[in-house]
Amino acid sequence: MPKRISIEPHLSIGELEQRYHQGKDPIERSHYQIIWLLAQGRTSEEIAVMT
């Protein structure tokens, strides 16, 4: 079974969501979206389909 991606909780889910929605640079927004979805417990497979 593949290893799940884990993240360190430096920001809350709400803070990640806020940074995702307020980002002006498309690459930065994409990074925050992926981290936000991981923080919600989504799998990398789910995120790949969503993004």
Protein backbone atom coordinates (compact mmCIF):
# COMPACT_ATOMS: atom_id res chain seq x y z
CA MET A 1 0.00 0.00 0.00
CA PRO A 2 1.39 3.46 -0.91
CA LYS A 3 2.39 5.82 1.86
CA ARG A 4 -0.05 8.68 2.50
CA ILE A 5 1.14 12.24 2.17
CA SER A 6 1.21 14.02 5.51
CA ILE A 7 1.63 17.68 6.32
CA GLU A 8 2.72 19.52 9.43
CA PRO A 9 -0.06 21.67 10.94
CA HIS A 10 1.63 25.08 10.69
CA LEU A 11 -1.62 26.75 9.58
CA SER A 12 -5.22 25.88 10.40
CA ILE A 13 -7.54 24.58 7.69
CA GLY A 14 -9.31 27.95 7.73
CA GLU A 15 -6.05 29.84 7.25
CA LEU A 16 -5.06 27.57 4.36
CA GLU A 17 -8.46 28.10 2.74
CA GLN A 18 -8.15 31.87 3.16
CA ARG A 19 -4.69 31.92 1.58
CA TYR A 20 -5.94 29.74 -1.29
CA HIS A 21 -8.87 32.08 -2.04
CA GLN A 22 -6.86 35.29 -1.61
CA GLY A 23 -3.80 34.24 -3.60
CA LYS A 24 -3.10 36.36 -6.66
CA ASP A 25 -0.39 34.19 -8.23
CA PRO A 26 -1.89 31.08 -9.93
CA ILE A 27 0.96 28.81 -8.84
CA GLU A 28 0.71 29.98 -5.23
CA ARG A 29 -3.06 29.41 -5.32
CA SER A 30 -2.55 25.90 -6.66
CA HIS A 31 -0.04 25.09 -3.92
CA TYR A 32 -2.37 26.34 -1.19
CA GLN A 33 -5.32 24.46 -2.72
CA ILE A 34 -3.40 21.18 -2.62
CA ILE A 35 -2.18 21.75 0.94
CA TRP A 36 -5.69 22.78 2.03
CA LEU A 37 -7.19 19.61 0.55
CA LEU A 38 -4.51 17.45 2.19
CA ALA A 39 -5.24 19.12 5.54
CA GLN A 40 -8.88 18.10 5.11
CA GLY A 41 -7.79 14.46 4.89
CA ARG A 42 -8.17 14.04 1.13
CA THR A 43 -5.97 11.46 -0.57
CA SER A 44 -3.49 12.33 -3.29
CA GLU A 45 -5.65 10.38 -5.76
CA GLU A 46 -8.71 12.49 -4.88
CA ILE A 47 -6.70 15.70 -5.16
CA ALA A 48 -5.30 14.69 -8.55
CA VAL A 49 -8.85 14.32 -9.86
CA MET A 50 -10.02 17.61 -8.31
CA THR A 51 -7.16 19.84 -9.46
